[in-house]
N, C-alpha and C. Protein backbone atom coordinates (compact mmCIF):
# COMPACT_ATOMS: atom_id res chain seq x y z
N MET A 1 0.84 -1.16 0.00
CA MET A 1 0.00 0.00 0.00
C MET A 1 0.89 1.23 0.00
N SER A 2 0.58 2.20 -0.81
CA SER A 2 1.41 3.40 -0.88
C SER A 2 0.57 4.61 -0.55
N THR A 3 1.19 5.53 0.15
CA THR A 3 0.55 6.79 0.45
C THR A 3 1.39 7.90 -0.14
N ASP A 4 0.74 9.03 -0.35
CA ASP A 4 1.43 10.15 -0.97
C ASP A 4 1.71 11.23 0.05
N SER A 5 2.86 11.82 -0.06
CA SER A 5 3.22 12.97 0.75
C SER A 5 3.65 14.06 -0.21
N ASN A 6 2.97 15.18 -0.17
CA ASN A 6 3.27 16.26 -1.10
C ASN A 6 3.51 17.54 -0.31
N ASP A 7 4.45 17.50 0.63
CA ASP A 7 4.73 18.65 1.46
C ASP A 7 5.71 19.57 0.76
N ASP A 8 5.55 20.88 1.00
CA ASP A 8 6.52 21.84 0.52
C ASP A 8 7.64 21.89 1.54
N VAL A 9 8.81 21.43 1.15
CA VAL A 9 9.94 21.43 2.06
C VAL A 9 11.15 21.98 1.33
N SER A 10 12.10 22.44 2.10
CA SER A 10 13.35 22.90 1.54
C SER A 10 14.17 21.68 1.16
N LEU A 11 14.65 21.63 -0.06
CA LEU A 11 15.37 20.47 -0.54
C LEU A 11 16.83 20.53 -0.12
N PHE A 12 17.29 19.50 0.58
CA PHE A 12 18.67 19.38 1.01
C PHE A 12 19.15 20.64 1.72
N ASP A 13 18.27 21.20 2.53
CA ASP A 13 18.57 22.43 3.26
C ASP A 13 19.08 23.52 2.32
N ALA A 14 18.41 23.67 1.21
CA ALA A 14 18.80 24.68 0.23
C ALA A 14 18.68 26.06 0.85
N GLU A 15 19.65 26.88 0.54
CA GLU A 15 19.62 28.21 1.12
C GLU A 15 18.47 29.00 0.52
N GLU A 16 17.82 29.75 1.35
CA GLU A 16 16.67 30.54 0.93
C GLU A 16 17.16 31.80 0.25
N ASP A 17 16.54 32.15 -0.85
CA ASP A 17 16.95 33.31 -1.63
C ASP A 17 15.69 34.10 -1.93
N THR A 18 15.14 34.77 -0.95
CA THR A 18 13.84 35.41 -1.07
C THR A 18 13.93 36.70 -1.85
N GLY A 19 12.83 37.01 -2.49
CA GLY A 19 12.69 38.29 -3.17
C GLY A 19 13.35 38.37 -4.52
N ARG A 20 13.96 37.32 -5.00
CA ARG A 20 14.62 37.38 -6.30
C ARG A 20 13.73 36.76 -7.35
N LYS A 21 13.61 37.42 -8.47
CA LYS A 21 12.81 36.90 -9.57
C LYS A 21 13.58 35.82 -10.31
N ALA A 22 12.83 34.91 -10.90
CA ALA A 22 13.47 33.87 -11.71
C ALA A 22 14.03 34.51 -12.97
N LYS A 23 15.28 34.26 -13.24
CA LYS A 23 15.92 34.83 -14.41
C LYS A 23 15.88 33.81 -15.54
N SER A 24 16.08 34.28 -16.73
CA SER A 24 16.13 33.35 -17.85
C SER A 24 17.54 32.81 -18.05
N LYS A 25 18.50 33.27 -17.23
CA LYS A 25 19.86 32.76 -17.30
C LYS A 25 19.92 31.35 -16.73
N ILE A 26 20.75 30.51 -17.32
CA ILE A 26 20.89 29.14 -16.84
C ILE A 26 21.85 29.16 -15.65
N LYS A 27 21.34 28.77 -14.47
CA LYS A 27 22.13 28.80 -13.24
C LYS A 27 22.97 27.54 -13.07
N HIS A 28 22.51 26.44 -13.64
CA HIS A 28 23.19 25.15 -13.49
C HIS A 28 23.49 24.57 -14.88
N PRO A 29 24.50 25.08 -15.56
CA PRO A 29 24.76 24.62 -16.93
C PRO A 29 25.19 23.15 -17.01
N VAL A 30 25.91 22.66 -16.02
CA VAL A 30 26.35 21.26 -16.04
C VAL A 30 25.15 20.33 -15.87
N ALA A 31 24.26 20.66 -14.93
CA ALA A 31 23.06 19.84 -14.74
C ALA A 31 22.18 19.89 -15.98
N SER A 32 22.07 21.06 -16.60
CA SER A 32 21.26 21.20 -17.82
C SER A 32 21.85 20.37 -18.96
N PHE A 33 23.18 20.40 -19.07
CA PHE A 33 23.84 19.63 -20.11
C PHE A 33 23.59 18.14 -19.93
N PHE A 34 23.84 17.63 -18.73
CA PHE A 34 23.69 16.19 -18.51
C PHE A 34 22.22 15.75 -18.48
N HIS A 35 21.31 16.68 -18.19
CA HIS A 35 19.88 16.36 -18.27
C HIS A 35 19.53 15.93 -19.70
N LEU A 36 20.10 16.62 -20.67
CA LEU A 36 19.80 16.29 -22.07
C LEU A 36 20.81 15.32 -22.68
N PHE A 37 22.05 15.32 -22.21
CA PHE A 37 23.10 14.52 -22.83
C PHE A 37 22.77 13.02 -22.84
N PHE A 38 22.45 12.45 -21.69
CA PHE A 38 22.19 11.02 -21.63
C PHE A 38 20.95 10.64 -22.43
N ARG A 39 19.92 11.48 -22.38
CA ARG A 39 18.68 11.21 -23.10
C ARG A 39 18.91 11.20 -24.60
N VAL A 40 19.51 12.27 -25.08
CA VAL A 40 19.75 12.41 -26.52
C VAL A 40 20.76 11.37 -27.00
N SER A 41 21.77 11.08 -26.20
CA SER A 41 22.76 10.07 -26.58
C SER A 41 22.13 8.69 -26.74
N ALA A 42 21.24 8.32 -25.83
CA ALA A 42 20.57 7.02 -25.93
C ALA A 42 19.74 6.95 -27.21
N ILE A 43 19.06 8.03 -27.52
CA ILE A 43 18.24 8.05 -28.75
C ILE A 43 19.14 7.98 -29.98
N LEU A 44 20.23 8.72 -29.98
CA LEU A 44 21.15 8.70 -31.13
C LEU A 44 21.80 7.34 -31.31
N VAL A 45 22.21 6.71 -30.23
CA VAL A 45 22.80 5.37 -30.34
C VAL A 45 21.77 4.39 -30.91
N TYR A 46 20.51 4.51 -30.46
CA TYR A 46 19.47 3.63 -30.99
C TYR A 46 19.28 3.86 -32.49
N LEU A 47 19.23 5.12 -32.90
CA LEU A 47 19.01 5.42 -34.31
C LEU A 47 20.18 5.03 -35.20
N LEU A 48 21.40 5.16 -34.68
CA LEU A 48 22.59 4.93 -35.50
C LEU A 48 23.23 3.57 -35.29
N CYS A 49 22.65 2.72 -34.45
CA CYS A 49 23.30 1.46 -34.10
C CYS A 49 23.50 0.54 -35.29
N GLU A 50 22.56 0.52 -36.21
CA GLU A 50 22.72 -0.38 -37.35
C GLU A 50 23.77 0.14 -38.32
N LEU A 51 23.99 1.46 -38.33
CA LEU A 51 25.02 2.02 -39.20
C LEU A 51 26.42 1.86 -38.59
N LEU A 52 26.50 1.94 -37.27
CA LEU A 52 27.79 1.91 -36.60
C LEU A 52 28.29 0.52 -36.29
N SER A 53 27.38 -0.42 -36.10
CA SER A 53 27.80 -1.75 -35.67
C SER A 53 26.85 -2.81 -36.20
N SER A 54 27.39 -3.96 -36.52
CA SER A 54 26.54 -5.06 -36.95
C SER A 54 26.12 -5.91 -35.75
N SER A 55 26.70 -5.61 -34.61
CA SER A 55 26.41 -6.34 -33.39
C SER A 55 25.14 -5.81 -32.74
N PHE A 56 24.47 -6.65 -32.01
CA PHE A 56 23.30 -6.24 -31.23
C PHE A 56 23.68 -5.92 -29.80
N ILE A 57 24.62 -6.66 -29.26
CA ILE A 57 24.96 -6.57 -27.84
C ILE A 57 25.58 -5.22 -27.48
N ALA A 58 26.57 -4.76 -28.23
CA ALA A 58 27.26 -3.51 -27.88
C ALA A 58 26.31 -2.31 -27.86
N PRO A 59 25.51 -2.09 -28.91
CA PRO A 59 24.58 -0.96 -28.84
C PRO A 59 23.53 -1.12 -27.74
N MET A 60 23.07 -2.36 -27.52
CA MET A 60 22.07 -2.58 -26.48
C MET A 60 22.63 -2.21 -25.11
N VAL A 61 23.84 -2.65 -24.82
CA VAL A 61 24.46 -2.33 -23.53
C VAL A 61 24.69 -0.83 -23.41
N ALA A 62 25.14 -0.19 -24.49
CA ALA A 62 25.36 1.26 -24.47
C ALA A 62 24.06 2.02 -24.22
N ILE A 63 23.00 1.61 -24.88
CA ILE A 63 21.70 2.28 -24.70
C ILE A 63 21.19 2.10 -23.28
N ILE A 64 21.29 0.89 -22.76
CA ILE A 64 20.80 0.63 -21.40
C ILE A 64 21.62 1.41 -20.37
N LEU A 65 22.94 1.47 -20.55
CA LEU A 65 23.77 2.25 -19.63
C LEU A 65 23.43 3.74 -19.71
N LEU A 66 23.22 4.25 -20.92
CA LEU A 66 22.84 5.67 -21.06
C LEU A 66 21.48 5.94 -20.44
N LEU A 67 20.54 5.02 -20.61
CA LEU A 67 19.21 5.20 -20.00
C LEU A 67 19.29 5.16 -18.48
N CYS A 68 20.12 4.27 -17.94
CA CYS A 68 20.27 4.21 -16.47
C CYS A 68 20.95 5.46 -15.94
N CYS A 69 21.98 5.94 -16.62
CA CYS A 69 22.63 7.19 -16.21
C CYS A 69 21.65 8.35 -16.28
N ASP A 70 20.83 8.37 -17.32
CA ASP A 70 19.82 9.41 -17.45
C ASP A 70 18.82 9.35 -16.31
N PHE A 71 18.33 8.16 -16.00
CA PHE A 71 17.35 8.01 -14.92
C PHE A 71 17.92 8.54 -13.61
N TRP A 72 19.14 8.11 -13.28
CA TRP A 72 19.75 8.53 -12.02
C TRP A 72 20.00 10.04 -12.01
N THR A 73 20.53 10.58 -13.11
CA THR A 73 20.84 12.01 -13.16
C THR A 73 19.59 12.86 -13.03
N VAL A 74 18.55 12.51 -13.78
CA VAL A 74 17.32 13.30 -13.74
C VAL A 74 16.65 13.17 -12.38
N LYS A 75 16.58 11.97 -11.85
CA LYS A 75 15.89 11.76 -10.58
C LYS A 75 16.62 12.40 -9.41
N ASN A 76 17.93 12.31 -9.36
CA ASN A 76 18.67 12.73 -8.19
C ASN A 76 19.33 14.11 -8.29
N ILE A 77 19.57 14.60 -9.50
CA ILE A 77 20.31 15.85 -9.61
C ILE A 77 19.55 16.93 -10.36
N SER A 78 19.26 16.70 -11.64
CA SER A 78 18.72 17.80 -12.44
C SER A 78 17.33 18.22 -12.00
N GLY A 79 16.49 17.31 -11.53
CA GLY A 79 15.16 17.71 -11.06
C GLY A 79 15.23 18.61 -9.85
N ARG A 80 16.13 18.31 -8.95
CA ARG A 80 16.29 19.11 -7.74
C ARG A 80 16.88 20.47 -8.07
N LEU A 81 17.93 20.50 -8.90
CA LEU A 81 18.61 21.76 -9.19
C LEU A 81 17.84 22.64 -10.18
N MET A 82 17.27 22.03 -11.21
CA MET A 82 16.68 22.83 -12.29
C MET A 82 15.27 23.32 -11.98
N VAL A 83 14.46 22.52 -11.29
CA VAL A 83 13.08 22.92 -11.03
C VAL A 83 12.67 22.80 -9.57
N GLY A 84 13.56 22.32 -8.72
CA GLY A 84 13.25 22.24 -7.29
C GLY A 84 12.27 21.16 -6.93
N LEU A 85 12.31 20.04 -7.64
CA LEU A 85 11.40 18.92 -7.36
C LEU A 85 12.22 17.66 -7.14
N ARG A 86 11.70 16.78 -6.29
CA ARG A 86 12.32 15.46 -6.14
C ARG A 86 11.27 14.47 -5.66
N TRP A 87 11.51 13.21 -5.94
CA TRP A 87 10.59 12.15 -5.52
C TRP A 87 11.39 10.90 -5.22
N TRP A 88 10.80 10.06 -4.37
CA TRP A 88 11.42 8.78 -4.04
C TRP A 88 10.42 7.89 -3.35
N ASN A 89 10.81 6.65 -3.16
CA ASN A 89 10.00 5.67 -2.46
C ASN A 89 10.77 5.24 -1.22
N GLN A 90 10.09 5.22 -0.10
CA GLN A 90 10.74 4.72 1.11
C GLN A 90 9.84 3.68 1.76
N VAL A 91 10.48 2.73 2.40
CA VAL A 91 9.77 1.65 3.08
C VAL A 91 9.94 1.87 4.57
N ASP A 92 8.81 1.93 5.30
CA ASP A 92 8.89 2.16 6.74
C ASP A 92 9.18 0.85 7.48
N ASP A 93 9.21 0.92 8.81
CA ASP A 93 9.56 -0.24 9.63
C ASP A 93 8.54 -1.37 9.50
N ASP A 94 7.30 -1.04 9.16
CA ASP A 94 6.26 -2.05 9.01
C ASP A 94 6.28 -2.71 7.64
N GLY A 95 7.16 -2.25 6.75
CA GLY A 95 7.24 -2.82 5.41
C GLY A 95 6.31 -2.16 4.41
N LYS A 96 5.68 -1.06 4.81
CA LYS A 96 4.78 -0.35 3.89
C LYS A 96 5.58 0.63 3.04
N SER A 97 5.22 0.66 1.78
CA SER A 97 5.88 1.53 0.82
C SER A 97 5.20 2.90 0.81
N HIS A 98 6.01 3.94 0.89
CA HIS A 98 5.49 5.31 0.86
C HIS A 98 6.19 6.08 -0.26
N TRP A 99 5.40 6.65 -1.16
CA TRP A 99 5.95 7.49 -2.21
C TRP A 99 5.96 8.91 -1.69
N VAL A 100 7.07 9.57 -1.83
CA VAL A 100 7.22 10.94 -1.36
C VAL A 100 7.52 11.83 -2.55
N PHE A 101 6.72 12.89 -2.69
CA PHE A 101 6.88 13.86 -3.77
C PHE A 101 7.08 15.22 -3.12
N GLU A 102 8.21 15.85 -3.39
CA GLU A 102 8.52 17.13 -2.75
C GLU A 102 8.74 18.22 -3.78
N SER A 103 8.41 19.43 -3.37
CA SER A 103 8.71 20.59 -4.19
C SER A 103 9.30 21.67 -3.30
N ARG A 104 10.14 22.48 -3.87
CA ARG A 104 10.79 23.56 -3.13
C ARG A 104 9.73 24.55 -2.68
N LYS A 105 9.94 25.10 -1.51
CA LYS A 105 9.00 26.09 -0.98
C LYS A 105 8.88 27.25 -1.95
N GLY A 106 7.69 27.85 -2.00
CA GLY A 106 7.44 28.97 -2.90
C GLY A 106 8.32 30.17 -2.63
N SER A 107 8.74 30.35 -1.39
CA SER A 107 9.56 31.51 -1.06
C SER A 107 11.05 31.23 -1.25
N GLY A 108 11.39 30.02 -1.63
CA GLY A 108 12.80 29.65 -1.78
C GLY A 108 13.36 30.10 -3.11
N LYS A 109 14.51 29.52 -3.45
CA LYS A 109 15.15 29.83 -4.72
C LYS A 109 14.19 29.53 -5.85
N GLN A 110 14.13 30.42 -6.80
CA GLN A 110 13.29 30.21 -7.96
C GLN A 110 14.13 29.63 -9.09
N ALA A 111 13.60 28.65 -9.76
CA ALA A 111 14.29 28.08 -10.91
C ALA A 111 14.21 29.08 -12.06
N SER A 112 15.23 29.12 -12.87
CA SER A 112 15.20 30.04 -14.00
C SER A 112 14.24 29.49 -15.06
N ASP A 113 13.67 30.41 -15.81
CA ASP A 113 12.72 30.02 -16.85
C ASP A 113 13.37 29.13 -17.90
N SER A 114 14.61 29.44 -18.26
CA SER A 114 15.30 28.64 -19.27
C SER A 114 15.54 27.21 -18.79
N GLU A 115 15.98 27.08 -17.54
CA GLU A 115 16.22 25.74 -17.01
C GLU A 115 14.93 24.95 -16.90
N ALA A 116 13.87 25.59 -16.45
CA ALA A 116 12.58 24.90 -16.33
C ALA A 116 12.10 24.44 -17.70
N ARG A 117 12.27 25.28 -18.71
CA ARG A 117 11.85 24.93 -20.07
C ARG A 117 12.67 23.75 -20.59
N ILE A 118 13.99 23.80 -20.38
CA ILE A 118 14.86 22.69 -20.80
C ILE A 118 14.45 21.41 -20.09
N PHE A 119 14.23 21.50 -18.78
CA PHE A 119 13.88 20.32 -17.99
C PHE A 119 12.59 19.69 -18.48
N TRP A 120 11.53 20.48 -18.58
CA TRP A 120 10.22 19.91 -18.93
C TRP A 120 10.15 19.45 -20.37
N LEU A 121 10.77 20.16 -21.30
CA LEU A 121 10.77 19.70 -22.69
C LEU A 121 11.53 18.38 -22.83
N GLY A 122 12.70 18.29 -22.19
CA GLY A 122 13.45 17.04 -22.23
C GLY A 122 12.71 15.91 -21.55
N LEU A 123 12.04 16.23 -20.45
CA LEU A 123 11.33 15.21 -19.69
C LEU A 123 10.12 14.67 -20.44
N ILE A 124 9.48 15.49 -21.25
CA ILE A 124 8.24 15.08 -21.94
C ILE A 124 8.52 14.55 -23.34
N ILE A 125 9.40 15.19 -24.08
CA ILE A 125 9.62 14.81 -25.48
C ILE A 125 10.30 13.45 -25.61
N CYS A 126 11.32 13.19 -24.81
CA CYS A 126 12.08 11.93 -24.96
C CYS A 126 11.24 10.68 -24.70
N PRO A 127 10.39 10.62 -23.67
CA PRO A 127 9.54 9.43 -23.55
C PRO A 127 8.58 9.24 -24.74
N ILE A 128 8.13 10.35 -25.31
CA ILE A 128 7.27 10.26 -26.49
C ILE A 128 8.05 9.64 -27.65
N VAL A 129 9.31 10.04 -27.79
CA VAL A 129 10.16 9.46 -28.84
C VAL A 129 10.33 7.96 -28.62
N TRP A 130 10.53 7.53 -27.35
CA TRP A 130 10.69 6.10 -27.07
C TRP A 130 9.40 5.33 -27.33
N VAL A 131 8.26 5.94 -27.10
CA VAL A 131 6.99 5.28 -27.43
C VAL A 131 6.87 5.10 -28.94
N ILE A 132 7.28 6.12 -29.70
CA ILE A 132 7.28 5.99 -31.16
C ILE A 132 8.21 4.87 -31.60
N PHE A 133 9.40 4.79 -30.97
CA PHE A 133 10.32 3.70 -31.27
C PHE A 133 9.70 2.34 -30.93
N ALA A 134 8.93 2.27 -29.86
CA ALA A 134 8.29 1.00 -29.48
C ALA A 134 7.33 0.54 -30.57
N PHE A 135 6.48 1.43 -31.03
CA PHE A 135 5.56 1.06 -32.10
C PHE A 135 6.30 0.74 -33.38
N SER A 136 7.35 1.49 -33.67
CA SER A 136 8.15 1.25 -34.87
C SER A 136 8.80 -0.13 -34.83
N SER A 137 9.40 -0.49 -33.70
CA SER A 137 10.05 -1.80 -33.62
C SER A 137 9.03 -2.93 -33.60
N LEU A 138 7.87 -2.67 -33.08
CA LEU A 138 6.81 -3.69 -33.06
C LEU A 138 6.27 -3.94 -34.46
N PHE A 139 5.97 -2.86 -35.18
CA PHE A 139 5.39 -3.01 -36.52
C PHE A 139 6.40 -3.39 -37.59
N SER A 140 7.68 -3.12 -37.33
CA SER A 140 8.70 -3.54 -38.30
C SER A 140 9.29 -4.90 -37.94
N PHE A 141 8.71 -5.54 -36.92
CA PHE A 141 9.12 -6.87 -36.48
C PHE A 141 10.58 -6.94 -36.04
N LYS A 142 11.07 -5.86 -35.43
CA LYS A 142 12.41 -5.87 -34.82
C LYS A 142 12.23 -6.17 -33.34
N ILE A 143 11.81 -7.38 -33.08
CA ILE A 143 11.43 -7.78 -31.73
C ILE A 143 12.61 -7.74 -30.77
N LYS A 144 13.82 -8.00 -31.26
CA LYS A 144 14.98 -7.99 -30.36
C LYS A 144 15.20 -6.60 -29.76
N TRP A 145 14.80 -5.55 -30.48
CA TRP A 145 14.97 -4.19 -29.98
C TRP A 145 13.82 -3.77 -29.06
N LEU A 146 12.75 -4.53 -29.06
CA LEU A 146 11.57 -4.14 -28.28
C LEU A 146 11.88 -4.06 -26.78
N ALA A 147 12.69 -4.98 -26.27
CA ALA A 147 13.04 -4.94 -24.85
C ALA A 147 13.83 -3.68 -24.49
N VAL A 148 14.73 -3.27 -25.36
CA VAL A 148 15.52 -2.06 -25.13
C VAL A 148 14.62 -0.83 -25.17
N VAL A 149 13.73 -0.79 -26.13
CA VAL A 149 12.83 0.35 -26.28
C VAL A 149 11.86 0.42 -25.10
N ILE A 150 11.37 -0.73 -24.66
CA ILE A 150 10.47 -0.73 -23.50
C ILE A 150 11.21 -0.24 -22.26
N MET A 151 12.48 -0.59 -22.14
CA MET A 151 13.26 -0.07 -21.01
C MET A 151 13.37 1.45 -21.08
N GLY A 152 13.54 1.99 -22.28
CA GLY A 152 13.56 3.45 -22.45
C GLY A 152 12.24 4.08 -22.05
N VAL A 153 11.14 3.47 -22.47
CA VAL A 153 9.81 3.99 -22.11
C VAL A 153 9.61 3.94 -20.61
N VAL A 154 9.97 2.83 -19.97
CA VAL A 154 9.74 2.67 -18.53
C VAL A 154 10.60 3.62 -17.71
N LEU A 155 11.89 3.67 -17.99
CA LEU A 155 12.77 4.53 -17.19
C LEU A 155 12.44 6.01 -17.36
N GLN A 156 12.27 6.43 -18.59
CA GLN A 156 11.97 7.85 -18.80
C GLN A 156 10.53 8.18 -18.43
N GLY A 157 9.63 7.22 -18.62
CA GLY A 157 8.24 7.44 -18.21
C GLY A 157 8.10 7.52 -16.70
N ALA A 158 8.90 6.74 -15.96
CA ALA A 158 8.85 6.80 -14.50
C ALA A 158 9.29 8.16 -13.99
N ASN A 159 10.36 8.68 -14.56
CA ASN A 159 10.79 10.03 -14.17
C ASN A 159 9.74 11.07 -14.51
N MET A 160 9.16 10.95 -15.69
CA MET A 160 8.13 11.92 -16.08
C MET A 160 6.94 11.85 -15.12
N TYR A 161 6.49 10.65 -14.79
CA TYR A 161 5.36 10.49 -13.87
C TYR A 161 5.70 11.07 -12.50
N GLY A 162 6.89 10.76 -11.99
CA GLY A 162 7.29 11.26 -10.68
C GLY A 162 7.33 12.78 -10.63
N TYR A 163 7.88 13.40 -11.64
CA TYR A 163 7.98 14.86 -11.63
C TYR A 163 6.65 15.55 -11.90
N VAL A 164 5.81 14.93 -12.70
CA VAL A 164 4.46 15.50 -12.88
C VAL A 164 3.70 15.43 -11.56
N ARG A 165 3.85 14.32 -10.83
CA ARG A 165 3.20 14.22 -9.52
C ARG A 165 3.76 15.25 -8.54
N CYS A 166 5.06 15.51 -8.60
CA CYS A 166 5.65 16.54 -7.75
C CYS A 166 5.09 17.91 -8.08
N LYS A 167 4.96 18.18 -9.36
CA LYS A 167 4.52 19.51 -9.80
C LYS A 167 3.04 19.72 -9.56
N VAL A 168 2.23 18.73 -9.89
CA VAL A 168 0.78 18.89 -9.83
C VAL A 168 0.24 18.52 -8.46
N GLY A 169 0.77 17.49 -7.86
CA GLY A 169 0.28 17.05 -6.55
C GLY A 169 -0.34 15.68 -6.65
N THR A 170 -1.39 15.46 -5.89
CA THR A 170 -2.02 14.15 -5.80
C THR A 170 -2.79 13.83 -7.07
N ARG A 171 -3.24 12.59 -7.17
CA ARG A 171 -4.00 12.17 -8.35
C ARG A 171 -5.29 12.96 -8.50
N THR A 172 -5.91 13.33 -7.38
CA THR A 172 -7.13 14.12 -7.43
C THR A 172 -6.85 15.48 -8.06
N ASN A 173 -5.73 16.12 -7.66
CA ASN A 173 -5.37 17.40 -8.25
C ASN A 173 -5.09 17.26 -9.74
N LEU A 174 -4.41 16.17 -10.13
CA LEU A 174 -4.11 15.92 -11.53
C LEU A 174 -5.40 15.75 -12.32
N LYS A 175 -6.34 15.00 -11.78
CA LYS A 175 -7.61 14.78 -12.46
C LYS A 175 -8.39 16.09 -12.56
N ASN A 176 -8.43 16.87 -11.48
CA ASN A 176 -9.14 18.15 -11.50
C ASN A 176 -8.50 19.12 -12.49
N MET A 177 -7.18 19.11 -12.55
CA MET A 177 -6.47 19.98 -13.48
C MET A 177 -6.78 19.61 -14.93
N ALA A 178 -6.77 18.31 -15.24
CA ALA A 178 -7.08 17.86 -16.59
C ALA A 178 -8.53 18.17 -16.95
N THR A 179 -9.44 17.92 -16.02
CA THR A 179 -10.86 18.21 -16.26
C THR A 179 -11.07 19.69 -16.51
N SER A 180 -10.43 20.51 -15.71
CA SER A 180 -10.55 21.96 -15.85
C SER A 180 -10.01 22.41 -17.21
N TYR A 181 -8.84 21.88 -17.60
CA TYR A 181 -8.24 22.27 -18.87
C TYR A 181 -9.13 21.89 -20.04
N PHE A 182 -9.59 20.63 -20.06
CA PHE A 182 -10.42 20.20 -21.17
C PHE A 182 -11.77 20.90 -21.16
N GLY A 183 -12.27 21.24 -20.00
CA GLY A 183 -13.52 22.00 -19.91
C GLY A 183 -13.35 23.38 -20.52
N ARG A 184 -12.25 24.04 -20.22
CA ARG A 184 -11.99 25.37 -20.81
C ARG A 184 -11.83 25.27 -22.32
N GLN A 185 -11.12 24.23 -22.80
CA GLN A 185 -10.93 24.06 -24.23
C GLN A 185 -12.27 23.83 -24.92
N PHE A 186 -13.12 23.00 -24.31
CA PHE A 186 -14.44 22.73 -24.88
C PHE A 186 -15.26 24.01 -24.92
N LEU A 187 -15.22 24.80 -23.86
CA LEU A 187 -15.97 26.04 -23.81
C LEU A 187 -15.47 27.03 -24.86
N LYS A 188 -14.15 27.15 -25.03
CA LYS A 188 -13.59 28.02 -26.06
C LYS A 188 -14.04 27.58 -27.45
N GLN A 189 -14.02 26.27 -27.68
CA GLN A 189 -14.43 25.73 -28.97
C GLN A 189 -15.90 26.01 -29.23
N ALA A 190 -16.73 25.82 -28.21
CA ALA A 190 -18.16 26.06 -28.36
C ALA A 190 -18.44 27.53 -28.61
N MET A 191 -17.72 28.40 -27.92
CA MET A 191 -17.92 29.84 -28.11
C MET A 191 -17.46 30.29 -29.49
N SER A 192 -16.34 29.77 -29.98
CA SER A 192 -15.86 30.16 -31.29
C SER A 192 -16.78 29.64 -32.38
N ASN A 193 -17.37 28.45 -32.20
CA ASN A 193 -18.32 27.93 -33.16
C ASN A 193 -19.61 28.75 -33.14
N GLN A 194 -20.02 29.21 -31.98
CA GLN A 194 -21.24 30.02 -31.86
C GLN A 194 -21.04 31.39 -32.49
N ASP A 195 -19.84 31.97 -32.35
CA ASP A 195 -19.55 33.28 -32.94
C ASP A 195 -19.52 33.19 -34.45
N GLU A 196 -19.08 32.07 -35.01
CA GLU A 196 -19.04 31.89 -36.46
C GLU A 196 -20.42 31.76 -37.06
N SER A 197 -21.40 31.28 -36.28
CA SER A 197 -22.75 31.07 -36.79
C SER A 197 -23.52 32.34 -36.97
């Protein structure tokens, strides 16, 4: 059984920097670089593996290592530094699993707009690319690559799910947010159709 904790806490006793606006300057260039490096490298190795090597094992191992490095880097470093979010699972003394989703306090350091944009675009686009690869390998009957592609979907999808939960909150908040968004879109569509008539 898992419970959710979505408390606003200071991450790793981060120093408070009140009153400063979020700048568009990248404050953590190394974290931003590695946030995208492992993701893009895994995708490039997958795309170029048949051109670079006739072997299956070497590219597979390289892709899996890059995906694991990406998972660890995004989960433990770039999410905390670039957008002030982190998540993990802990098991208490009774053996119950607890998922913890944290976000930096609103009055704390603000993430820069550029870093947040890099983080969220990388976090959302790359799993979509791996899903496309999954369908591609399935329909082209490259079954041996399906396990590698599914690993890409799972590892990057898990990070995406964890950070969306950190950002949005509980499942109820996520559902309310989606309902509200689609309701507004439907209302805009209905109003624009009524104005055209």
